[in-house]
């Protein structure tokens, strides 16, 4: 809860029309995977702790994203429920953080329909065919 308040306060302190410097999305993708961001955010940044689109306030602008990453180094030990690693400037440079931000902002949350995934449809059909009242 404390980190959420910090994000909200930082959001109020950021310029209304903050300009993003525009990082390198390819480099950002490499960093996203090398730093293990997918472990919580998923390979498409839509999983347990989603970041894509409007799912997270820290993605509102680049400056807020960077501020949040930097404050994690101070806040993480006081909030054991949040397993976000510490990312001080000595661990992740500002340029690298901008690249990760650019990569996440480039991801579109456009999953295929279940019916369009053959294996998933087969699993659902098999489960339905073996459901309650069905003979196995």
C-alpha atoms as a PDB file:
ATOM      1  CA  UNK A   1       0.000   0.000   0.000  1.00  0.00           C
ATOM      2  CA  UNK A   2       2.867   2.325   0.824  1.00  0.00           C
ATOM      3  CA  UNK A   3       4.437   1.830  -2.633  1.00  0.00           C
ATOM      4  CA  UNK A   4       1.068   2.557  -4.281  1.00  0.00           C
ATOM      5  CA  UNK A   5       0.908   5.890  -2.444  1.00  0.00           C
ATOM      6  CA  UNK A   6       4.415   6.690  -3.619  1.00  0.00           C
ATOM      7  CA  UNK A   7       3.451   5.938  -7.222  1.00  0.00           C
ATOM      8  CA  UNK A   8       0.394   8.174  -6.915  1.00  0.00           C
ATOM      9  CA  UNK A   9       2.422  11.015  -5.406  1.00  0.00           C
ATOM     10  CA  UNK A  10       5.080  10.663  -8.089  1.00  0.00           C
ATOM     11  CA  UNK A  11       2.369  10.745 -10.721  1.00  0.00           C
ATOM     12  CA  UNK A  12       1.128  14.060  -9.373  1.00  0.00           C
ATOM     13  CA  UNK A  13       4.634  15.485  -9.361  1.00  0.00           C
ATOM     14  CA  UNK A  14       5.362  14.545 -12.984  1.00  0.00           C
ATOM     15  CA  UNK A  15       4.669  17.090 -15.718  1.00  0.00           C
ATOM     16  CA  UNK A  16       1.249  16.594 -17.240  1.00  0.00           C
ATOM     17  CA  UNK A  17       2.660  16.174 -20.728  1.00  0.00           C
ATOM     18  CA  UNK A  18       5.881  14.351 -19.868  1.00  0.00           C
ATOM     19  CA  UNK A  19       7.954  13.640 -22.946  1.00  0.00           C
ATOM     20  CA  UNK A  20       9.294  10.137 -23.378  1.00  0.00           C
ATOM     21  CA  UNK A  21      12.854  10.075 -24.709  1.00  0.00           C
ATOM     22  CA  UNK A  22      12.107   6.931 -26.688  1.00  0.00           C
ATOM     23  CA  UNK A  23      14.282   3.973 -25.861  1.00  0.00           C
ATOM     24  CA  UNK A  24      15.371   1.119 -28.085  1.00  0.00           C
ATOM     25  CA  UNK A  25      12.636  -1.551 -28.095  1.00  0.00           C
ATOM     26  CA  UNK A  26      14.947  -4.346 -29.298  1.00  0.00           C
ATOM     27  CA  UNK A  27      17.472  -3.610 -26.583  1.00  0.00           C
ATOM     28  CA  UNK A  28      14.574  -3.277 -24.137  1.00  0.00           C
ATOM     29  CA  UNK A  29      13.306  -6.741 -25.052  1.00  0.00           C
ATOM     30  CA  UNK A  30      16.737  -8.243 -24.371  1.00  0.00           C
ATOM     31  CA  UNK A  31      16.959  -6.428 -21.038  1.00  0.00           C
ATOM     32  CA  UNK A  32      13.381  -7.410 -20.083  1.00  0.00           C
ATOM     33  CA  UNK A  33      14.308 -11.080 -20.467  1.00  0.00           C
ATOM     34  CA  UNK A  34      17.879 -10.840 -19.135  1.00  0.00           C
ATOM     35  CA  UNK A  35      16.742  -9.073 -15.953  1.00  0.00           C
ATOM     36  CA  UNK A  36      13.968 -11.668 -15.488  1.00  0.00           C
ATOM     37  CA  UNK A  37      11.055  -9.204 -15.677  1.00  0.00           C
ATOM     38  CA  UNK A  38       8.984 -11.949 -17.336  1.00  0.00           C
ATOM     39  CA  UNK A  39       9.061 -13.901 -14.056  1.00  0.00           C
ATOM     40  CA  UNK A  40       6.275 -11.714 -12.636  1.00  0.00           C
ATOM     41  CA  UNK A  41       5.082  -9.712 -15.608  1.00  0.00           C
ATOM     42  CA  UNK A  42       4.996 -12.602 -18.106  1.00  0.00           C
ATOM     43  CA  UNK A  43       6.532 -12.836 -21.541  1.00  0.00           C
ATOM     44  CA  UNK A  44       3.958 -10.377 -22.868  1.00  0.00           C
ATOM     45  CA  UNK A  45       3.805  -8.144 -19.745  1.00  0.00           C
ATOM     46  CA  UNK A  46       0.176  -9.135 -19.102  1.00  0.00           C
ATOM     47  CA  UNK A  47       0.546 -11.813 -16.449  1.00  0.00           C
ATOM     48  CA  UNK A  48       0.499 -11.767 -12.616  1.00  0.00           C
ATOM     49  CA  UNK A  49       1.607  -8.111 -12.415  1.00  0.00           C
ATOM     50  CA  UNK A  50       0.438  -6.662 -15.764  1.00  0.00           C
ATOM     51  CA  UNK A  51       2.112  -3.600 -17.263  1.00  0.00           C
ATOM     52  CA  UNK A  52       0.700  -3.412 -20.797  1.00  0.00           C
ATOM     53  CA  UNK A  53      -1.662  -0.612 -21.781  1.00  0.00           C
ATOM     54  CA  UNK A  54      -3.390   1.013 -18.817  1.00  0.00           C
ATOM     55  CA  UNK A  55      -2.895  -1.948 -16.454  1.00  0.00           C
ATOM     56  CA  UNK A  56      -0.313  -0.159 -14.313  1.00  0.00           C
ATOM     57  CA  UNK A  57       0.027   3.477 -13.332  1.00  0.00           C
ATOM     58  CA  UNK A  58       3.820   3.231 -13.395  1.00  0.00           C
ATOM     59  CA  UNK A  59       3.623   2.979 -17.190  1.00  0.00           C
ATOM     60  CA  UNK A  60       1.925   6.393 -17.486  1.00  0.00           C
ATOM     61  CA  UNK A  61       5.159   7.979 -18.616  1.00  0.00           C
ATOM     62  CA  UNK A  62       8.850   7.252 -18.780  1.00  0.00           C
ATOM     63  CA  UNK A  63       9.788   9.524 -15.882  1.00  0.00           C
ATOM     64  CA  UNK A  64       7.316   7.836 -13.533  1.00  0.00           C
ATOM     65  CA  UNK A  65       8.535   4.393 -14.603  1.00  0.00           C
ATOM     66  CA  UNK A  66      12.134   5.363 -13.887  1.00  0.00           C
ATOM     67  CA  UNK A  67      11.221   6.973 -10.561  1.00  0.00           C
ATOM     68  CA  UNK A  68       9.398   3.815  -9.491  1.00  0.00           C
ATOM     69  CA  UNK A  69      12.360   1.597 -10.395  1.00  0.00           C
ATOM     70  CA  UNK A  70      14.722   3.824  -8.439  1.00  0.00           C
ATOM     71  CA  UNK A  71      12.465   4.027  -5.369  1.00  0.00           C
ATOM     72  CA  UNK A  72      12.194   0.249  -5.268  1.00  0.00           C
ATOM     73  CA  UNK A  73      15.723   0.194  -3.888  1.00  0.00           C
ATOM     74  CA  UNK A  74      14.487   2.120  -0.846  1.00  0.00           C
ATOM     75  CA  UNK A  75      10.975   0.693  -0.497  1.00  0.00           C
ATOM     76  CA  UNK A  76      11.322  -3.034  -1.198  1.00  0.00           C
ATOM     77  CA  UNK A  77      12.729  -4.005   2.234  1.00  0.00           C
ATOM     78  CA  UNK A  78       9.793  -2.328   3.989  1.00  0.00           C
ATOM     79  CA  UNK A  79       7.152  -4.149   1.939  1.00  0.00           C
ATOM     80  CA  UNK A  80       7.879  -7.892   1.957  1.00  0.00           C
ATOM     81  CA  UNK A  81       4.631  -8.642   0.079  1.00  0.00           C
ATOM     82  CA  UNK A  82       6.091  -6.997  -2.998  1.00  0.00           C
ATOM     83  CA  UNK A  83       8.874  -9.102  -4.497  1.00  0.00           C
ATOM     84  CA  UNK A  84       9.953  -6.475  -7.040  1.00  0.00           C
ATOM     85  CA  UNK A  85      13.766  -6.486  -7.141  1.00  0.00           C
ATOM     86  CA  UNK A  86      15.780  -3.396  -6.366  1.00  0.00           C
ATOM     87  CA  UNK A  87      16.979  -1.528  -9.452  1.00  0.00           C
ATOM     88  CA  UNK A  88      19.343   1.229  -8.435  1.00  0.00           C
ATOM     89  CA  UNK A  89      21.269   3.128 -11.119  1.00  0.00           C
ATOM     90  CA  UNK A  90      24.289   0.900 -10.457  1.00  0.00           C
ATOM     91  CA  UNK A  91      22.230  -2.148 -11.466  1.00  0.00           C
ATOM     92  CA  UNK A  92      20.160  -0.748 -14.330  1.00  0.00           C
ATOM     93  CA  UNK A  93      21.185   2.467 -16.068  1.00  0.00           C
ATOM     94  CA  UNK A  94      18.671   5.165 -16.998  1.00  0.00           C
ATOM     95  CA  UNK A  95      19.221   4.337 -20.679  1.00  0.00           C
ATOM     96  CA  UNK A  96      18.516   0.650 -20.022  1.00  0.00           C
ATOM     97  CA  UNK A  97      15.385   1.516 -18.030  1.00  0.00           C
ATOM     98  CA  UNK A  98      14.186   3.703 -20.937  1.00  0.00           C
ATOM     99  CA  UNK A  99      14.773   0.786 -23.304  1.00  0.00           C
ATOM    100  CA  UNK A 100      12.710  -1.547 -21.101  1.00  0.00           C
ATOM    101  CA  UNK A 101       9.973   1.074 -20.852  1.00  0.00           C
ATOM    102  CA  UNK A 102       9.944   1.468 -24.660  1.00  0.00           C
ATOM    103  CA  UNK A 103       9.740  -2.301 -25.097  1.00  0.00           C
ATOM    104  CA  UNK A 104       6.838  -2.693 -22.670  1.00  0.00           C
ATOM    105  CA  UNK A 105       4.987   0.226 -24.313  1.00  0.00           C
ATOM    106  CA  UNK A 106       5.443  -1.485 -27.705  1.00  0.00           C
ATOM    107  CA  UNK A 107       3.650  -4.662 -26.585  1.00  0.00           C
ATOM    108  CA  UNK A 108       0.024  -4.953 -27.648  1.00  0.00           C
ATOM    109  CA  UNK A 109      -2.383  -6.944 -25.493  1.00  0.00           C
ATOM    110  CA  UNK A 110      -4.131  -8.730 -28.317  1.00  0.00           C
ATOM    111  CA  UNK A 111      -4.379 -12.419 -27.407  1.00  0.00           C
ATOM    112  CA  UNK A 112      -5.943 -14.836 -29.896  1.00  0.00           C
ATOM    113  CA  UNK A 113      -9.422 -16.198 -29.306  1.00  0.00           C
ATOM    114  CA  UNK A 114      -9.448 -19.609 -27.586  1.00  0.00           C
ATOM    115  CA  UNK A 115     -11.185 -21.111 -30.618  1.00  0.00           C
ATOM    116  CA  UNK A 116      -8.198 -20.032 -32.731  1.00  0.00           C
ATOM    117  CA  UNK A 117      -5.756 -22.054 -30.606  1.00  0.00           C
ATOM    118  CA  UNK A 118      -6.183 -25.639 -31.799  1.00  0.00           C
ATOM    119  CA  UNK A 119      -4.490 -27.307 -28.817  1.00  0.00           C
ATOM    120  CA  UNK A 120      -6.490 -25.237 -26.327  1.00  0.00           C
ATOM    121  CA  UNK A 121      -9.746 -26.072 -28.112  1.00  0.00           C
ATOM    122  CA  UNK A 122      -8.842 -29.794 -28.066  1.00  0.00           C
ATOM    123  CA  UNK A 123      -8.210 -29.613 -24.312  1.00  0.00           C
ATOM    124  CA  UNK A 124     -11.538 -27.878 -23.691  1.00  0.00           C
ATOM    125  CA  UNK A 125     -13.382 -30.384 -25.873  1.00  0.00           C
ATOM    126  CA  UNK A 126     -11.735 -33.312 -24.066  1.00  0.00           C
ATOM    127  CA  UNK A 127     -12.620 -31.835 -20.661  1.00  0.00           C
ATOM    128  CA  UNK A 128     -16.216 -31.289 -21.761  1.00  0.00           C
ATOM    129  CA  UNK A 129     -16.443 -34.862 -23.105  1.00  0.00           C
ATOM    130  CA  UNK A 130     -15.158 -36.252 -19.797  1.00  0.00           C
ATOM    131  CA  UNK A 131     -17.153 -33.915 -17.574  1.00  0.00           C
ATOM    132  CA  UNK A 132     -19.693 -34.830 -14.884  1.00  0.00           C
ATOM    133  CA  UNK A 133     -22.227 -37.395 -16.007  1.00  0.00           C
ATOM    134  CA  UNK A 134     -20.060 -38.560 -18.911  1.00  0.00           C
ATOM    135  CA  UNK A 135     -18.782 -42.106 -19.164  1.00  0.00           C
ATOM    136  CA  UNK A 136     -14.962 -42.264 -19.240  1.00  0.00           C
END
